[in-house]
Amino acid sequence: MDWVKIRPRERVKDSKKISEPQREELFELLTNHPSITYAVHINSAQRIDEINILQASLESMTKSVEEVAGRLKQDKTFVLVDGNRLPPTLELPAEAVVKGDDKVYSIAAASIIAKVTRDRLMRDYDVQFPQYGLAQHKGYPTKAHVAAIAKHGPCAIHRLTFAPLKPKEPAKPKAKSKAKN
């Protein structure tokens, strides 16, 4: 693997702005490069339901950073986080960078690694739960995915607190208006 192949800024950018084949190619270059250390932490659907998606994301960030920092064993570590808030339990110096995957090379690289990891996980889940079409929509709430959930019900990987799966609260009866004479 040649570092020059993955160094140009125009190749490594926000994972949502490059095609799946490009993401896959860059994922291989990034994850196999000897100078790149990374970690991915995945929370279960049950954990996300328990603490909410934002807190689960922040928890995963913290665990990934702790793993990388532990492997690097460097005295000076500074963390750049994509978004507008830092994980509350992160104990390293850090900065939140809004739209970081558009601005910072390392954040863009992390977004590619995270997206490809998630997409591959969805393809694996598709083998276990083919009725949901996870390989096609990667778990996003497309019409087809919502329809499959309506038909088959949720499975073990569905977040029950996700809007299409939340139990609907019964509609409150409207108060009768009194007509004035």
C-alpha atoms as a PDB file:
ATOM      1  CA  MET A   1       0.000   0.000   0.000  1.00  0.00           C
ATOM      2  CA  ASP A   2       1.342   3.374  -0.927  1.00  0.00           C
ATOM      3  CA  TRP A   3       0.665   6.320   1.399  1.00  0.00           C
ATOM      4  CA  VAL A   4       0.629   8.590  -1.671  1.00  0.00           C
ATOM      5  CA  LYS A   5      -2.488   6.754  -2.875  1.00  0.00           C
ATOM      6  CA  ILE A   6      -4.473   7.832   0.169  1.00  0.00           C
ATOM      7  CA  ARG A   7      -2.823  11.153   0.994  1.00  0.00           C
ATOM      8  CA  PRO A   8      -4.440  13.486  -1.548  1.00  0.00           C
ATOM      9  CA  ARG A   9      -7.232  15.426   0.143  1.00  0.00           C
ATOM     10  CA  GLU A  10      -9.520  15.021  -2.846  1.00  0.00           C
ATOM     11  CA  ARG A  11      -9.623  11.250  -2.346  1.00  0.00           C
ATOM     12  CA  VAL A  12     -10.227  11.138   1.401  1.00  0.00           C
ATOM     13  CA  LYS A  13     -13.311  13.155   2.255  1.00  0.00           C
ATOM     14  CA  ASP A  14     -16.672  12.834   3.953  1.00  0.00           C
ATOM     15  CA  SER A  15     -17.781   9.224   3.446  1.00  0.00           C
ATOM     16  CA  LYS A  16     -21.228  10.400   2.324  1.00  0.00           C
ATOM     17  CA  LYS A  17     -19.667  12.259  -0.607  1.00  0.00           C
ATOM     18  CA  ILE A  18     -17.883   9.341  -2.248  1.00  0.00           C
ATOM     19  CA  SER A  19     -19.207   6.241  -3.952  1.00  0.00           C
ATOM     20  CA  GLU A  20     -19.364   2.850  -2.283  1.00  0.00           C
ATOM     21  CA  PRO A  21     -16.561   1.395  -4.473  1.00  0.00           C
ATOM     22  CA  GLN A  22     -14.347   4.388  -3.630  1.00  0.00           C
ATOM     23  CA  ARG A  23     -15.123   3.999   0.082  1.00  0.00           C
ATOM     24  CA  GLU A  24     -14.267   0.300  -0.077  1.00  0.00           C
ATOM     25  CA  GLU A  25     -10.957   1.010  -1.836  1.00  0.00           C
ATOM     26  CA  LEU A  26     -10.020   3.756   0.623  1.00  0.00           C
ATOM     27  CA  PHE A  27     -11.085   1.578   3.572  1.00  0.00           C
ATOM     28  CA  GLU A  28      -8.604  -1.097   2.481  1.00  0.00           C
ATOM     29  CA  LEU A  29      -5.820   1.452   2.007  1.00  0.00           C
ATOM     30  CA  LEU A  30      -6.514   3.143   5.341  1.00  0.00           C
ATOM     31  CA  THR A  31      -6.982   0.045   7.488  1.00  0.00           C
ATOM     32  CA  ASN A  32      -3.977  -1.780   6.030  1.00  0.00           C
ATOM     33  CA  HIS A  33      -1.552   1.124   6.197  1.00  0.00           C
ATOM     34  CA  PRO A  34       1.167   0.597   8.827  1.00  0.00           C
ATOM     35  CA  SER A  35       1.107   4.266   9.891  1.00  0.00           C
ATOM     36  CA  ILE A  36      -2.614   4.320  10.652  1.00  0.00           C
ATOM     37  CA  THR A  37      -3.999   3.116  13.970  1.00  0.00           C
ATOM     38  CA  TYR A  38      -7.762   2.937  14.344  1.00  0.00           C
ATOM     39  CA  ALA A  39     -10.453   1.292  16.433  1.00  0.00           C
ATOM     40  CA  VAL A  40     -14.155   0.787  15.892  1.00  0.00           C
ATOM     41  CA  HIS A  41     -16.639   0.316  18.710  1.00  0.00           C
ATOM     42  CA  ILE A  42     -20.159  -0.886  17.960  1.00  0.00           C
ATOM     43  CA  ASN A  43     -23.038  -0.546  20.407  1.00  0.00           C
ATOM     44  CA  SER A  44     -25.916  -3.016  20.315  1.00  0.00           C
ATOM     45  CA  ALA A  45     -29.453  -1.951  19.477  1.00  0.00           C
ATOM     46  CA  GLN A  46     -30.368  -2.685  23.085  1.00  0.00           C
ATOM     47  CA  ARG A  47     -27.635  -0.376  24.397  1.00  0.00           C
ATOM     48  CA  ILE A  48     -28.741   2.393  22.023  1.00  0.00           C
ATOM     49  CA  ASP A  49     -32.339   1.977  23.201  1.00  0.00           C
ATOM     50  CA  GLU A  50     -31.132   2.127  26.802  1.00  0.00           C
ATOM     51  CA  ILE A  51     -29.073   5.349  26.589  1.00  0.00           C
ATOM     52  CA  ASN A  52     -30.232   6.933  23.252  1.00  0.00           C
ATOM     53  CA  ILE A  53     -28.432   7.250  19.928  1.00  0.00           C
ATOM     54  CA  LEU A  54     -26.458  10.390  20.800  1.00  0.00           C
ATOM     55  CA  GLN A  55     -25.129   9.013  24.085  1.00  0.00           C
ATOM     56  CA  ALA A  56     -24.327   5.686  22.386  1.00  0.00           C
ATOM     57  CA  SER A  57     -22.376   7.516  19.663  1.00  0.00           C
ATOM     58  CA  LEU A  58     -20.434   9.503  22.252  1.00  0.00           C
ATOM     59  CA  GLU A  59     -19.774   6.319  24.230  1.00  0.00           C
ATOM     60  CA  SER A  60     -18.468   4.554  21.111  1.00  0.00           C
ATOM     61  CA  MET A  61     -16.228   7.525  20.286  1.00  0.00           C
ATOM     62  CA  THR A  62     -14.746   7.437  23.774  1.00  0.00           C
ATOM     63  CA  LYS A  63     -14.127   3.686  23.700  1.00  0.00           C
ATOM     64  CA  SER A  64     -12.526   3.882  20.238  1.00  0.00           C
ATOM     65  CA  VAL A  65     -10.272   6.779  21.280  1.00  0.00           C
ATOM     66  CA  GLU A  66      -9.263   4.987  24.485  1.00  0.00           C
ATOM     67  CA  GLU A  67      -8.358   1.869  22.509  1.00  0.00           C
ATOM     68  CA  VAL A  68      -6.255   3.800  19.985  1.00  0.00           C
ATOM     69  CA  ALA A  69      -4.559   5.857  22.721  1.00  0.00           C
ATOM     70  CA  GLY A  70      -3.755   2.657  24.598  1.00  0.00           C
ATOM     71  CA  ARG A  71      -2.146   1.132  21.530  1.00  0.00           C
ATOM     72  CA  LEU A  72      -0.178   4.266  20.627  1.00  0.00           C
ATOM     73  CA  LYS A  73       1.174   4.846  24.152  1.00  0.00           C
ATOM     74  CA  GLN A  74       2.135   8.437  23.366  1.00  0.00           C
ATOM     75  CA  ASP A  75       2.507  11.204  25.916  1.00  0.00           C
ATOM     76  CA  LYS A  76       0.863  13.832  23.741  1.00  0.00           C
ATOM     77  CA  THR A  77      -2.472  12.927  22.260  1.00  0.00           C
ATOM     78  CA  PHE A  78      -5.047  15.392  20.967  1.00  0.00           C
ATOM     79  CA  VAL A  79      -8.431  14.211  19.747  1.00  0.00           C
ATOM     80  CA  LEU A  80     -10.494  15.793  16.972  1.00  0.00           C
ATOM     81  CA  VAL A  81     -14.177  14.870  17.074  1.00  0.00           C
ATOM     82  CA  ASP A  82     -16.649  15.372  14.236  1.00  0.00           C
ATOM     83  CA  GLY A  83     -19.636  17.366  15.431  1.00  0.00           C
ATOM     84  CA  ASN A  84     -20.490  20.049  17.930  1.00  0.00           C
ATOM     85  CA  ARG A  85     -19.938  18.237  21.219  1.00  0.00           C
ATOM     86  CA  LEU A  86     -17.281  16.187  22.892  1.00  0.00           C
ATOM     87  CA  PRO A  87     -17.954  12.898  24.649  1.00  0.00           C
ATOM     88  CA  PRO A  88     -18.445  13.814  28.333  1.00  0.00           C
ATOM     89  CA  THR A  89     -16.256  10.968  29.604  1.00  0.00           C
ATOM     90  CA  LEU A  90     -13.346  11.589  27.221  1.00  0.00           C
ATOM     91  CA  GLU A  91     -10.297  12.230  29.392  1.00  0.00           C
ATOM     92  CA  LEU A  92      -7.918  13.446  26.662  1.00  0.00           C
ATOM     93  CA  PRO A  93      -7.539  16.968  25.311  1.00  0.00           C
ATOM     94  CA  ALA A  94      -9.958  17.322  22.417  1.00  0.00           C
ATOM     95  CA  GLU A  95     -11.781  19.676  20.085  1.00  0.00           C
ATOM     96  CA  ALA A  96     -15.159  19.256  18.409  1.00  0.00           C
ATOM     97  CA  VAL A  97     -15.095  20.231  14.731  1.00  0.00           C
ATOM     98  CA  VAL A  98     -18.450  20.978  13.103  1.00  0.00           C
ATOM     99  CA  LYS A  99     -18.512  19.353   9.651  1.00  0.00           C
ATOM    100  CA  GLY A 100     -15.138  17.877  10.535  1.00  0.00           C
ATOM    101  CA  ASP A 101     -15.388  15.203   7.856  1.00  0.00           C
ATOM    102  CA  ASP A 102     -15.296  18.045   5.289  1.00  0.00           C
ATOM    103  CA  LYS A 103     -12.460  19.932   6.987  1.00  0.00           C
ATOM    104  CA  VAL A 104     -10.061  17.490   8.654  1.00  0.00           C
ATOM    105  CA  TYR A 105      -8.300  14.645   6.859  1.00  0.00           C
ATOM    106  CA  SER A 106      -8.190  12.322   9.879  1.00  0.00           C
ATOM    107  CA  ILE A 107     -11.897  12.849  10.605  1.00  0.00           C
ATOM    108  CA  ALA A 108     -12.737  12.139   6.954  1.00  0.00           C
ATOM    109  CA  ALA A 109     -10.633   8.968   7.109  1.00  0.00           C
ATOM    110  CA  ALA A 110     -12.444   7.920  10.295  1.00  0.00           C
ATOM    111  CA  SER A 111     -15.810   8.551   8.612  1.00  0.00           C
ATOM    112  CA  ILE A 112     -14.814   6.211   5.775  1.00  0.00           C
ATOM    113  CA  ILE A 113     -13.714   3.476   8.178  1.00  0.00           C
ATOM    114  CA  ALA A 114     -16.921   3.842  10.220  1.00  0.00           C
ATOM    115  CA  LYS A 115     -19.238   3.877   7.183  1.00  0.00           C
ATOM    116  CA  VAL A 116     -17.656   0.859   5.501  1.00  0.00           C
ATOM    117  CA  THR A 117     -17.640  -1.065   8.785  1.00  0.00           C
ATOM    118  CA  ARG A 118     -21.337  -0.299   9.277  1.00  0.00           C
ATOM    119  CA  ASP A 119     -22.246  -1.179   5.681  1.00  0.00           C
ATOM    120  CA  ARG A 120     -20.394  -4.491   5.928  1.00  0.00           C
ATOM    121  CA  LEU A 121     -22.159  -5.238   9.206  1.00  0.00           C
ATOM    122  CA  MET A 122     -25.509  -4.594   7.495  1.00  0.00           C
ATOM    123  CA  ARG A 123     -24.564  -7.016   4.692  1.00  0.00           C
ATOM    124  CA  ASP A 124     -23.714  -9.640   7.326  1.00  0.00           C
ATOM    125  CA  TYR A 125     -27.033  -8.990   9.065  1.00  0.00           C
ATOM    126  CA  ASP A 126     -28.781  -9.357   5.711  1.00  0.00           C
ATOM    127  CA  VAL A 127     -27.672 -13.006   5.640  1.00  0.00           C
ATOM    128  CA  GLN A 128     -29.225 -13.537   9.094  1.00  0.00           C
ATOM    129  CA  PHE A 129     -32.346 -11.456   8.441  1.00  0.00           C
ATOM    130  CA  PRO A 130     -32.926 -11.482   4.652  1.00  0.00           C
ATOM    131  CA  GLN A 131     -36.571 -10.398   4.954  1.00  0.00           C
ATOM    132  CA  TYR A 132     -35.485  -6.799   5.715  1.00  0.00           C
ATOM    133  CA  GLY A 133     -33.267  -6.132   2.672  1.00  0.00           C
ATOM    134  CA  LEU A 134     -30.471  -4.708   4.829  1.00  0.00           C
ATOM    135  CA  ALA A 135     -27.836  -5.188   2.115  1.00  0.00           C
ATOM    136  CA  GLN A 136     -29.728  -2.757  -0.108  1.00  0.00           C
ATOM    137  CA  HIS A 137     -30.600   0.076   2.282  1.00  0.00           C
ATOM    138  CA  LYS A 138     -27.924  -0.566   4.942  1.00  0.00           C
ATOM    139  CA  GLY A 139     -30.469  -0.202   7.735  1.00  0.00           C
ATOM    140  CA  TYR A 140     -31.588   3.300   6.828  1.00  0.00           C
ATOM    141  CA  PRO A 141     -35.348   3.942   7.149  1.00  0.00           C
ATOM    142  CA  THR A 142     -36.278   3.629   3.488  1.00  0.00           C
ATOM    143  CA  LYS A 143     -39.873   2.888   2.480  1.00  0.00           C
ATOM    144  CA  ALA A 144     -38.852  -0.714   1.758  1.00  0.00           C
ATOM    145  CA  HIS A 145     -37.240  -1.131   5.177  1.00  0.00           C
ATOM    146  CA  VAL A 146     -40.184   0.391   7.057  1.00  0.00           C
ATOM    147  CA  ALA A 147     -42.562  -1.825   5.041  1.00  0.00           C
ATOM    148  CA  ALA A 148     -40.493  -4.928   5.875  1.00  0.00           C
ATOM    149  CA  ILE A 149     -40.622  -4.064   9.575  1.00  0.00           C
ATOM    150  CA  ALA A 150     -44.390  -3.554   9.343  1.00  0.00           C
ATOM    151  CA  LYS A 151     -44.745  -6.954   7.661  1.00  0.00           C
ATOM    152  CA  HIS A 152     -42.276  -9.023   9.729  1.00  0.00           C
ATOM    153  CA  GLY A 153     -41.961  -7.025  12.935  1.00  0.00           C
ATOM    154  CA  PRO A 154     -38.621  -5.895  14.330  1.00  0.00           C
ATOM    155  CA  CYS A 155     -35.744  -8.320  14.861  1.00  0.00           C
ATOM    156  CA  ALA A 156     -32.898  -8.339  17.402  1.00  0.00           C
ATOM    157  CA  ILE A 157     -30.891  -5.651  15.597  1.00  0.00           C
ATOM    158  CA  HIS A 158     -33.687  -3.092  15.361  1.00  0.00           C
ATOM    159  CA  ARG A 159     -33.683  -0.181  17.773  1.00  0.00           C
ATOM    160  CA  LEU A 160     -37.114  -0.154  19.353  1.00  0.00           C
ATOM    161  CA  THR A 161     -36.786   3.539  20.202  1.00  0.00           C
ATOM    162  CA  PHE A 162     -36.346   4.425  16.520  1.00  0.00           C
ATOM    163  CA  ALA A 163     -39.370   6.463  15.387  1.00  0.00           C
ATOM    164  CA  PRO A 164     -40.966   3.906  13.014  1.00  0.00           C
ATOM    165  CA  LEU A 165     -40.778   1.254  15.760  1.00  0.00           C
ATOM    166  CA  LYS A 166     -41.863   3.290  18.759  1.00  0.00           C
ATOM    167  CA  PRO A 167     -45.275   2.320  20.046  1.00  0.00           C
ATOM    168  CA  LYS A 168     -47.802   4.899  18.972  1.00  0.00           C
ATOM    169  CA  GLU A 169     -49.454   6.762  21.795  1.00  0.00           C
ATOM    170  CA  PRO A 170     -53.220   6.648  21.557  1.00  0.00           C
ATOM    171  CA  ALA A 171     -54.666   9.829  20.143  1.00  0.00           C
ATOM    172  CA  LYS A 172     -56.142  12.069  22.773  1.00  0.00           C
ATOM    173  CA  PRO A 173     -59.826  12.747  22.245  1.00  0.00           C
ATOM    174  CA  LYS A 174     -60.497  16.264  21.092  1.00  0.00           C
ATOM    175  CA  ALA A 175     -62.418  18.431  23.498  1.00  0.00           C
ATOM    176  CA  LYS A 176     -65.919  19.144  22.323  1.00  0.00           C
ATOM    177  CA  SER A 177     -66.409  22.765  21.546  1.00  0.00           C
ATOM    178  CA  LYS A 178     -69.459  24.434  22.977  1.00  0.00           C
ATOM    179  CA  ALA A 179     -71.506  26.353  20.486  1.00  0.00           C
ATOM    180  CA  LYS A 180     -72.439  29.831  21.606  1.00  0.00           C
ATOM    181  CA  ASN A 181     -75.950  31.057  20.920  1.00  0.00           C
END
